Amino acid sequence: MPVLTEEMKERLDFLIRKISEKIWVIIIKIWFEEDHVHMYCRIPLTKPISTVIWYIKWASSHAIKWEFHKEIKKWYWKTWSLWAVWYFVAIVWEIISKYVENQWKEENKIEEVEL
């Protein structure tokens, strides 16, 4: 039985995007599973990743637990938290930047000159 209904997923999508805008996080892609969320986003270098994740989880949890209280109360942990405390983060900037740089060089046929 899925924890997140389609209605909750739609609402979470809206909330997470709005919350992210407030803290200058750019959501590139977001998708939902039955009980968790995947986000591909750009976080400003001035913002600690842990703080961004905490804030998005905290704000979205509070909004959803009040809007969908009856539907999700059986899934609450003892603390009434919608999300688990753990999360996974992968930083892909180096991989993406090298890919983009190589694509640009290939398209423009630019050769690097060593000095």
Protein backbone atom coordinates (compact mmCIF):
# COMPACT_ATOMS: atom_id res chain seq x y z
CA MET A 1 0.00 0.00 0.00
CA PRO A 2 1.59 3.29 -1.07
CA VAL A 3 2.20 5.94 1.56
CA LEU A 4 2.06 8.82 -0.92
CA THR A 5 -1.13 9.04 -2.97
CA GLU A 6 -1.21 10.79 -6.34
CA GLU A 7 -2.88 13.79 -4.69
CA MET A 8 -0.11 13.97 -2.06
CA LYS A 9 2.56 13.66 -4.74
CA GLU A 10 1.07 16.57 -6.70
CA ARG A 11 0.88 18.69 -3.56
CA LEU A 12 4.42 17.74 -2.52
CA ASP A 13 5.73 18.61 -5.98
CA PHE A 14 4.21 22.08 -5.66
CA LEU A 15 5.39 22.56 -2.04
CA ILE A 16 8.95 21.37 -2.62
CA ARG A 17 9.31 23.65 -5.64
CA LYS A 18 7.98 26.66 -3.68
CA ILE A 19 10.15 25.89 -0.64
CA SER A 20 13.19 25.50 -2.90
CA GLU A 21 12.55 28.84 -4.60
CA LYS A 22 12.58 30.56 -1.20
CA ILE A 23 16.08 29.27 -0.48
CA TRP A 24 17.37 29.69 -4.05
CA VAL A 25 17.57 25.99 -4.80
CA ILE A 26 16.78 25.10 -8.41
CA ILE A 27 14.86 21.87 -8.89
CA ILE A 28 15.98 20.30 -12.16
CA LYS A 29 13.92 17.12 -11.77
CA ILE A 30 11.76 15.66 -9.04
CA TRP A 31 10.04 12.30 -9.01
CA PHE A 32 8.16 10.27 -6.43
CA GLU A 33 8.10 6.66 -5.29
CA GLU A 34 5.45 5.14 -3.03
CA ASP A 35 7.22 6.35 0.10
CA HIS A 36 10.04 8.69 -0.85
CA VAL A 37 11.15 11.48 -3.16
CA HIS A 38 14.07 11.81 -5.58
CA MET A 39 15.34 15.28 -6.38
CA TYR A 40 17.95 16.43 -8.84
CA CYS A 41 18.67 20.03 -7.95
CA ARG A 42 21.21 22.82 -7.97
CA ILE A 43 22.11 24.12 -4.52
CA PRO A 44 24.06 27.39 -4.19
CA LEU A 45 27.60 26.90 -2.92
CA THR A 46 26.81 29.24 -0.02
CA LYS A 47 24.16 26.88 1.37
CA PRO A 48 25.14 23.74 3.31
CA ILE A 49 23.51 20.70 1.71
CA SER A 50 22.42 19.34 5.08
CA THR A 51 20.61 22.61 5.90
CA VAL A 52 18.84 22.66 2.54
CA ILE A 53 17.67 19.04 2.90
CA TRP A 54 16.56 19.62 6.50
CA TYR A 55 14.57 22.72 5.57
CA ILE A 56 12.83 21.11 2.59
CA LYS A 57 11.95 18.03 4.66
CA TRP A 58 10.79 20.08 7.65
CA ALA A 59 8.62 22.54 5.70
CA SER A 60 7.06 19.93 3.40
CA SER A 61 6.40 17.56 6.31
CA HIS A 62 4.57 20.22 8.30
CA ALA A 63 2.39 21.23 5.37
CA ILE A 64 1.52 17.68 4.33
CA LYS A 65 0.81 16.39 7.83
CA TRP A 66 -1.83 19.07 8.33
CA GLU A 67 -3.38 18.81 4.88
CA PHE A 68 -3.45 14.99 4.77
CA HIS A 69 -3.55 14.17 8.49
CA LYS A 70 -6.15 11.40 8.23
CA GLU A 71 -4.47 9.69 5.28
CA ILE A 72 -0.96 9.55 6.73
CA LYS A 73 -1.39 9.34 10.50
CA LYS A 74 -0.84 5.57 10.40
CA TRP A 75 2.56 6.15 8.74
CA TYR A 76 3.83 8.75 11.23
CA TRP A 77 6.81 7.94 13.30
CA LYS A 78 6.55 8.67 17.01
CA THR A 79 7.71 12.23 16.37
CA TRP A 80 5.01 12.86 13.77
CA SER A 81 7.69 13.31 11.15
CA LEU A 82 6.71 12.44 7.62
CA TRP A 83 10.28 11.95 6.38
CA ALA A 84 13.06 9.80 7.75
CA VAL A 85 16.12 11.64 9.07
CA TRP A 86 18.53 10.04 6.61
CA TYR A 87 19.06 10.97 2.98
CA PHE A 88 21.44 10.28 0.12
CA VAL A 89 23.33 13.02 -1.72
CA ALA A 90 25.55 12.65 -4.76
CA ILE A 91 27.51 15.55 -6.18
CA VAL A 92 27.81 15.38 -9.94
CA TRP A 93 29.16 18.81 -10.84
CA GLU A 94 32.56 17.59 -11.97
CA ILE A 95 31.10 14.86 -14.17
CA ILE A 96 28.54 17.18 -15.76
CA SER A 97 30.93 20.08 -16.25
CA LYS A 98 33.48 17.83 -17.98
CA TYR A 99 30.76 16.38 -20.20
CA VAL A 100 29.48 19.83 -21.17
CA GLU A 101 33.00 21.12 -21.75
CA ASN A 102 33.83 18.16 -23.98
CA GLN A 103 30.60 18.55 -25.93
CA TRP A 104 31.32 22.23 -26.49
CA LYS A 105 34.87 21.51 -27.68
CA GLU A 106 33.64 18.78 -30.02
CA GLU A 107 30.91 20.97 -31.53
CA ASN A 108 33.27 23.90 -32.01
CA LYS A 109 36.28 21.78 -32.91
CA ILE A 110 38.53 23.67 -30.53
CA GLU A 111 41.88 22.19 -29.73
CA GLU A 112 43.56 22.95 -26.46
CA VAL A 113 46.99 24.46 -26.77
CA GLU A 114 49.47 23.77 -24.02
CA LEU A 115 51.70 26.67 -23.11
